[in-house]
Amino acid sequence: MSPKTKTNDPVRSLRDATRGNASDAQADAAAAKFLRRAERDGLLDIAYTEVDTPVGRLLLAATPRGLVRVTFPVESAETVLEQLASTVSPRILESPQRLDEVRRELDLYFDGKLTDFGLPLDWQLTKGFYRKVLRATARIPYGKTRSYSQVAKRAGSPRAVRATGTALGSNPLPIIVPCHRVLRSGGALGGYGGGLEVKETLLELEGARGSDN
């Protein structure tokens, strides 16, 4: 038996794939056994789960190198998983326990008890100047904001403000890589992939609204 691939619908949960006529408990046990076997045999390249947060239900996905994708409800979980299957690996399974540390840190963050994420990150979904922008963004301190032009400068291309905005809009790791801390000159919110209401909520949580230093 092998993990579901893109051609075999990687979006189906492991329990659904193993349920058949079994009870939920039997299906859960079968799913757990299958997952352990996949991990033991090196057949699991991407683990994913979904979590409820104050800004909606997030999909989290990780490779052995670290967290690779975070998505907001505005994105289709099915589409995101299909993209991961085609761009990273088709060996993808639902495995909540593999994301336990991510869930724990997100809970602490939304409770106002965590100001710096300590999670390993897998940057493979972003390259070149875009990656430089996101790495510069990752260094913006909790409770502070920067303008698009400031981030462009710190990424090494002061004139590439528009490209900086595009890079931030394609951020595969929102919240963890805090693109919500980047505002337009003058303090206007600018854009945000999760929606401006979510951006406002995150800034208010951090006490950063209106901060420019």
Protein backbone atom coordinates (compact mmCIF):
# COMPACT_ATOMS: atom_id res chain seq x y z
CA MET A 1 0.00 0.00 0.00
CA SER A 2 1.31 3.50 -0.77
CA PRO A 3 0.15 7.03 0.14
CA LYS A 4 -2.40 8.68 -2.08
CA THR A 5 -0.86 10.53 -5.00
CA LYS A 6 -2.19 13.40 -7.01
CA THR A 7 -3.67 11.02 -9.55
CA ASN A 8 -5.36 9.09 -6.74
CA ASP A 9 -6.80 12.18 -5.06
CA PRO A 10 -4.34 13.21 -2.29
CA VAL A 11 -7.01 15.39 -0.71
CA ARG A 12 -9.03 12.55 0.76
CA SER A 13 -8.35 12.11 4.46
CA LEU A 14 -6.57 8.97 5.51
CA ARG A 15 -9.55 7.91 7.59
CA ASP A 16 -11.93 8.25 4.65
CA ALA A 17 -9.53 6.25 2.52
CA THR A 18 -9.47 3.39 5.00
CA ARG A 19 -13.01 3.52 6.37
CA GLY A 20 -14.94 1.21 4.05
CA ASN A 21 -17.46 -0.57 6.25
CA ALA A 22 -15.36 -0.22 9.41
CA SER A 23 -16.32 1.80 12.47
CA ASP A 24 -14.70 5.16 13.11
CA ALA A 25 -12.44 3.59 15.74
CA GLN A 26 -11.34 0.86 13.36
CA ALA A 27 -10.78 3.38 10.59
CA ASP A 28 -8.73 5.59 12.91
CA ALA A 29 -6.59 2.61 13.95
CA ALA A 30 -6.08 1.57 10.33
CA ALA A 31 -5.18 5.13 9.37
CA ALA A 32 -2.66 5.40 12.22
CA LYS A 33 -1.08 2.08 11.24
CA PHE A 34 -0.89 3.15 7.61
CA LEU A 35 0.69 6.46 8.57
CA ARG A 36 3.33 4.79 10.76
CA ARG A 37 4.14 2.44 7.91
CA ALA A 38 4.44 5.32 5.44
CA GLU A 39 6.77 7.21 7.77
CA ARG A 40 8.85 4.10 8.49
CA ASP A 41 9.25 3.35 4.80
CA GLY A 42 10.07 6.95 3.89
CA LEU A 43 6.90 7.34 1.87
CA LEU A 44 5.63 10.53 3.52
CA ASP A 45 7.11 13.74 2.11
CA ILE A 46 4.37 16.18 3.15
CA ALA A 47 2.19 16.01 6.24
CA TYR A 48 -0.82 18.29 6.54
CA THR A 49 -3.65 19.17 8.86
CA GLU A 50 -6.24 21.91 9.37
CA VAL A 51 -6.64 23.96 12.53
CA ASP A 52 -9.23 26.43 13.78
CA THR A 53 -7.91 29.87 14.77
CA PRO A 54 -9.37 33.31 15.53
CA VAL A 55 -8.78 34.25 11.87
CA GLY A 56 -10.40 31.14 10.44
CA ARG A 57 -9.47 27.58 9.61
CA LEU A 58 -5.87 27.30 8.44
CA LEU A 59 -4.31 24.50 6.46
CA LEU A 60 -0.77 23.66 7.59
CA ALA A 61 1.65 21.54 5.58
CA ALA A 62 5.20 20.48 6.45
CA THR A 63 8.05 18.53 4.90
CA PRO A 64 10.87 16.91 6.87
CA ARG A 65 12.73 20.22 6.49
CA GLY A 66 10.01 22.30 8.09
CA LEU A 67 6.73 24.12 7.60
CA VAL A 68 6.21 24.67 3.89
CA ARG A 69 2.67 26.06 3.53
CA VAL A 70 0.04 27.92 5.54
CA THR A 71 -3.25 28.85 3.90
CA PHE A 72 -6.27 30.91 4.88
CA PRO A 73 -9.91 29.90 4.27
CA VAL A 74 -10.02 32.07 1.13
CA GLU A 75 -7.89 29.42 -0.56
CA SER A 76 -9.29 26.01 -1.45
CA ALA A 77 -7.62 23.33 0.66
CA GLU A 78 -8.11 20.84 -2.17
CA THR A 79 -6.42 23.13 -4.68
CA VAL A 80 -3.51 23.85 -2.34
CA LEU A 81 -2.92 20.15 -1.68
CA GLU A 82 -3.02 19.41 -5.39
CA GLN A 83 -0.45 22.18 -5.95
CA LEU A 84 1.80 20.74 -3.25
CA ALA A 85 1.43 17.29 -4.76
CA SER A 86 2.55 18.57 -8.15
CA THR A 87 5.28 21.03 -7.06
CA VAL A 88 6.80 19.36 -3.98
CA SER A 89 5.78 15.69 -3.82
CA PRO A 90 2.71 13.51 -4.43
CA ARG A 91 3.53 11.58 -1.24
CA ILE A 92 1.25 13.65 0.95
CA LEU A 93 -0.91 12.51 3.87
CA GLU A 94 -3.03 14.02 6.59
CA SER A 95 -0.98 13.71 9.79
CA PRO A 96 -2.06 16.11 12.57
CA GLN A 97 0.56 14.88 15.02
CA ARG A 98 3.36 15.92 12.66
CA LEU A 99 2.09 19.49 12.96
CA ASP A 100 1.65 19.48 16.76
CA GLU A 101 4.44 22.00 17.38
CA VAL A 102 3.06 24.36 14.74
CA ARG A 103 -0.39 24.13 16.33
CA ARG A 104 1.09 24.74 19.78
CA GLU A 105 2.97 27.85 18.70
CA LEU A 106 -0.03 29.23 16.83
CA ASP A 107 -2.20 28.74 19.93
CA LEU A 108 0.35 30.63 22.03
CA TYR A 109 0.59 33.38 19.41
CA PHE A 110 -3.16 33.94 19.28
CA ASP A 111 -3.28 33.90 23.08
CA GLY A 112 -0.75 36.75 23.11
CA LYS A 113 1.89 34.54 24.76
CA LEU A 114 4.31 34.12 21.84
CA THR A 115 6.11 36.89 19.99
CA ASP A 116 8.66 34.90 18.00
CA PHE A 117 7.97 31.65 16.17
CA GLY A 118 10.72 29.08 16.58
CA LEU A 119 9.58 26.73 13.83
CA PRO A 120 11.88 25.31 11.15
CA LEU A 121 10.77 26.53 7.73
CA ASP A 122 11.05 25.01 4.29
CA TRP A 123 11.52 27.90 1.82
CA GLN A 124 11.38 25.84 -1.37
CA LEU A 125 8.14 27.43 -2.63
CA THR A 126 9.79 30.83 -3.02
CA LYS A 127 12.98 31.74 -4.84
CA GLY A 128 15.24 34.60 -5.92
CA PHE A 129 14.19 38.13 -5.03
CA TYR A 130 10.88 36.91 -3.64
CA ARG A 131 12.71 34.80 -1.09
CA LYS A 132 14.90 37.77 -0.15
CA VAL A 133 11.75 39.83 0.44
CA LEU A 134 10.21 37.18 2.64
CA ARG A 135 13.39 36.65 4.64
CA ALA A 136 13.55 40.40 5.23
CA THR A 137 9.90 40.32 6.26
CA ALA A 138 10.58 37.47 8.68
CA ARG A 139 12.95 39.81 10.55
CA ILE A 140 10.32 42.49 11.24
CA PRO A 141 9.89 42.43 15.03
CA TYR A 142 6.61 41.60 16.71
CA GLY A 143 4.62 44.77 17.34
CA LYS A 144 6.38 46.72 14.58
CA THR A 145 5.61 47.44 10.94
CA ARG A 146 7.56 48.37 7.83
CA SER A 147 6.59 49.98 4.54
CA TYR A 148 6.85 48.17 1.21
CA SER A 149 9.74 50.46 0.26
CA GLN A 150 11.59 49.68 3.49
CA VAL A 151 11.26 45.95 2.86
CA ALA A 152 12.41 46.38 -0.77
CA LYS A 153 15.50 48.20 0.47
CA ARG A 154 16.26 45.51 3.05
CA ALA A 155 15.85 42.87 0.36
CA GLY A 156 18.55 44.62 -1.67
CA SER A 157 16.47 46.36 -4.36
CA PRO A 158 15.15 49.73 -3.11
CA ARG A 159 13.31 50.48 -6.37
CA ALA A 160 11.53 47.12 -6.58
CA VAL A 161 8.53 48.19 -4.52
CA ARG A 162 5.97 46.65 -6.86
CA ALA A 163 7.85 43.34 -7.00
CA THR A 164 8.06 43.44 -3.22
CA GLY A 165 4.28 43.70 -3.03
CA THR A 166 3.93 40.76 -5.41
CA ALA A 167 6.35 38.69 -3.32
CA LEU A 168 4.41 39.44 -0.16
CA GLY A 169 1.15 38.59 -1.91
CA SER A 170 2.52 35.16 -2.79
CA ASN A 171 3.89 34.45 0.70
CA PRO A 172 3.43 30.68 1.27
CA LEU A 173 3.85 31.06 5.04
CA PRO A 174 1.60 33.90 6.24
CA ILE A 175 1.46 34.69 9.96
CA ILE A 176 4.72 32.76 10.50
CA VAL A 177 6.46 35.00 7.96
CA PRO A 178 4.60 38.17 9.01
CA CYS A 179 3.70 39.90 5.75
CA HIS A 180 0.80 41.47 7.69
CA ARG A 181 3.42 43.78 9.24
CA VAL A 182 4.09 45.46 5.89
CA LEU A 183 2.00 48.57 5.22
CA ARG A 184 1.83 51.26 2.61
CA SER A 185 3.70 54.49 3.22
CA GLY A 186 1.53 56.58 5.50
CA GLY A 187 0.16 53.55 7.34
CA ALA A 188 -2.58 52.33 4.97
CA LEU A 189 -3.06 48.58 5.15
CA GLY A 190 -2.24 47.74 1.56
CA GLY A 191 -3.15 44.26 0.40
CA TYR A 192 -3.26 40.90 2.16
CA GLY A 193 -3.88 37.39 0.89
CA GLY A 194 -6.05 36.47 3.85
CA GLY A 195 -8.20 39.61 3.52
CA LEU A 196 -7.79 43.04 5.07
CA GLU A 197 -9.94 42.13 8.07
CA VAL A 198 -7.50 39.37 8.96
CA LYS A 199 -4.55 41.73 8.49
CA GLU A 200 -6.17 44.26 10.81
CA THR A 201 -6.87 41.54 13.38
CA LEU A 202 -3.25 40.36 13.40
CA LEU A 203 -1.90 43.89 13.73
CA GLU A 204 -4.28 44.64 16.60
CA LEU A 205 -3.30 41.38 18.31
CA GLU A 206 0.34 42.48 18.17
CA GLY A 207 -0.40 46.08 19.15
CA ALA A 208 1.23 47.13 15.90
CA ARG A 209 -1.47 49.22 14.22
CA GLY A 210 0.03 52.55 13.33
CA SER A 211 3.56 51.53 14.28
CA ASP A 212 6.22 52.49 11.76
CA ASN A 213 9.48 51.69 13.50
